[in-house]
């Protein structure tokens, strides 16, 4: 009998699952803004909602579905930390696709993240001396 892997091929130990208010629209946005590739989709019988879908960004897989409040599945906020080359081009692509990075609708430039972390390092004793990797391998 063949041995079955505990982790399915192509997946990591943890796969995030997102509950979204409009899964189909979100998948289209993730593709346009983040270069996501949809790998599966299972619509509900009405064809209006998605029971389960999966997509990849780089080598990371995500699961997602529409919210189904009657079953306890409600949309919740989530954040993606995306690492890789050409982070400035990725940022520009997301903004052009309509991304809004903060509740105040202020889009944060990649260098803003570095500045915020630098402020923490220079003002918080517990963080001083730590090596922190920021966006695409930029080291402070």
Protein backbone atom coordinates (compact mmCIF):
# COMPACT_ATOMS: atom_id res chain seq x y z
CA UNK A 1 0.00 0.00 0.00
CA UNK A 2 1.34 3.44 -0.93
CA UNK A 3 2.14 5.82 1.88
CA UNK A 4 -0.08 8.91 1.93
CA UNK A 5 1.58 12.19 2.86
CA UNK A 6 0.21 13.98 5.91
CA UNK A 7 0.50 17.26 3.98
CA UNK A 8 -1.02 17.25 0.49
CA UNK A 9 1.40 17.93 -2.34
CA UNK A 10 1.81 21.64 -3.06
CA UNK A 11 0.50 22.77 0.33
CA UNK A 12 2.26 23.98 3.48
CA UNK A 13 1.60 23.02 7.09
CA UNK A 14 -0.95 25.86 7.47
CA UNK A 15 -3.39 27.02 4.77
CA UNK A 16 -5.35 30.19 5.64
CA UNK A 17 -9.09 30.10 4.98
CA UNK A 18 -10.88 33.38 4.27
CA UNK A 19 -14.62 33.97 4.62
CA UNK A 20 -15.54 36.80 2.23
CA UNK A 21 -18.67 38.86 1.61
CA UNK A 22 -18.29 38.42 -2.18
CA UNK A 23 -15.86 35.59 -2.86
CA UNK A 24 -16.12 35.74 -6.65
CA UNK A 25 -15.37 39.47 -6.71
CA UNK A 26 -12.50 39.00 -4.25
CA UNK A 27 -10.93 36.26 -6.38
CA UNK A 28 -11.02 38.56 -9.42
CA UNK A 29 -9.45 41.37 -7.36
CA UNK A 30 -6.71 39.10 -5.95
CA UNK A 31 -5.84 38.02 -9.50
CA UNK A 32 -5.66 41.59 -10.79
CA UNK A 33 -3.97 43.19 -7.77
CA UNK A 34 -1.76 40.39 -6.46
CA UNK A 35 -1.27 38.06 -9.40
CA UNK A 36 -3.27 35.30 -7.67
CA UNK A 37 -4.07 32.17 -9.64
CA UNK A 38 -7.39 30.47 -8.90
CA UNK A 39 -6.92 26.71 -8.56
CA UNK A 40 -10.44 25.51 -7.72
CA UNK A 41 -14.01 26.75 -7.34
CA UNK A 42 -17.14 25.00 -6.04
CA UNK A 43 -20.26 27.18 -6.34
CA UNK A 44 -23.41 26.60 -4.30
CA UNK A 45 -26.44 25.17 -6.14
CA UNK A 46 -27.77 28.66 -6.92
CA UNK A 47 -24.48 29.60 -8.60
CA UNK A 48 -24.55 32.93 -6.72
CA UNK A 49 -22.18 32.02 -3.89
CA UNK A 50 -19.00 30.01 -3.56
CA UNK A 51 -18.91 27.11 -1.11
CA UNK A 52 -15.17 26.61 -1.50
CA UNK A 53 -12.38 27.97 -3.69
CA UNK A 54 -8.62 27.95 -3.59
CA UNK A 55 -6.01 30.24 -5.03
CA UNK A 56 -2.26 30.71 -4.98
CA UNK A 57 -0.10 33.78 -4.57
CA UNK A 58 3.45 32.70 -5.31
CA UNK A 59 3.94 29.38 -3.54
CA UNK A 60 1.24 30.02 -0.91
CA UNK A 61 -2.23 28.49 -1.14
CA UNK A 62 -5.35 30.09 0.35
CA UNK A 63 -8.85 28.69 0.73
CA UNK A 64 -11.88 30.96 0.62
CA UNK A 65 -15.66 30.94 0.52
CA UNK A 66 -18.61 33.30 0.68
CA UNK A 67 -20.13 34.07 4.00
CA UNK A 68 -23.02 31.86 5.08
CA UNK A 69 -24.28 33.47 8.32
CA UNK A 70 -26.89 30.75 8.82
CA UNK A 71 -24.00 28.30 9.18
CA UNK A 72 -21.82 30.62 11.31
CA UNK A 73 -19.50 31.65 8.45
CA UNK A 74 -19.19 35.45 8.55
CA UNK A 75 -16.70 37.66 6.71
CA UNK A 76 -13.83 38.98 8.82
CA UNK A 77 -10.97 41.37 8.07
CA UNK A 78 -7.66 39.78 7.06
CA UNK A 79 -4.19 40.99 6.12
CA UNK A 80 -1.71 39.57 3.63
CA UNK A 81 2.04 40.01 4.08
CA UNK A 82 3.51 39.32 0.67
CA UNK A 83 7.23 38.76 0.23
CA UNK A 84 9.17 38.58 -3.00
CA UNK A 85 11.14 40.44 -5.60
CA UNK A 86 10.10 43.76 -7.17
CA UNK A 87 7.98 44.81 -4.19
CA UNK A 88 7.57 48.36 -5.55
CA UNK A 89 6.07 47.00 -8.80
CA UNK A 90 3.77 44.72 -6.80
CA UNK A 91 2.67 47.69 -4.70
CA UNK A 92 1.95 49.76 -7.82
CA UNK A 93 -0.05 46.90 -9.37
CA UNK A 94 -2.21 46.58 -6.25
CA UNK A 95 -2.89 50.33 -6.09
CA UNK A 96 -3.78 50.42 -9.78
CA UNK A 97 -6.24 47.59 -9.14
CA UNK A 98 -7.90 49.71 -6.43
CA UNK A 99 -6.23 48.50 -3.22
CA UNK A 100 -6.73 50.60 -0.12
CA UNK A 101 -4.18 49.79 2.56
CA UNK A 102 -5.60 51.39 5.71
CA UNK A 103 -8.96 52.18 7.31
CA UNK A 104 -8.24 55.85 6.55
CA UNK A 105 -7.90 54.92 2.86
CA UNK A 106 -4.26 56.02 2.89
CA UNK A 107 -2.11 53.76 0.80
CA UNK A 108 1.15 52.98 2.56
CA UNK A 109 4.31 53.06 0.48
CA UNK A 110 6.73 50.16 1.09
CA UNK A 111 9.27 52.61 2.54
CA UNK A 112 6.66 53.76 5.12
CA UNK A 113 6.79 50.28 6.64
CA UNK A 114 10.58 50.54 6.95
CA UNK A 115 10.27 53.96 8.61
CA UNK A 116 7.70 52.69 11.12
CA UNK A 117 9.85 49.72 12.05
CA UNK A 118 12.95 51.91 12.30
CA UNK A 119 11.05 54.16 14.72
CA UNK A 120 10.18 51.13 16.87
CA UNK A 121 13.76 49.90 16.85
CA UNK A 122 15.19 53.25 17.88
CA UNK A 123 12.53 53.97 20.51
CA UNK A 124 11.70 50.56 21.99
CA UNK A 125 14.49 48.99 24.00
CA UNK A 126 13.10 45.48 23.57
CA UNK A 127 13.42 45.75 19.78
CA UNK A 128 16.91 47.27 19.62
CA UNK A 129 19.42 44.93 18.03
CA UNK A 130 16.82 42.73 16.37
CA UNK A 131 17.20 41.91 12.71
CA UNK A 132 13.87 42.63 11.04
CA UNK A 133 13.17 41.68 7.44
CA UNK A 134 10.85 44.10 5.65
CA UNK A 135 9.28 43.62 2.22
CA UNK A 136 11.31 41.66 -0.26
CA UNK A 137 14.30 41.23 2.01
CA UNK A 138 15.06 44.86 2.84
CA UNK A 139 17.07 44.74 6.06
CA UNK A 140 17.19 47.51 8.62
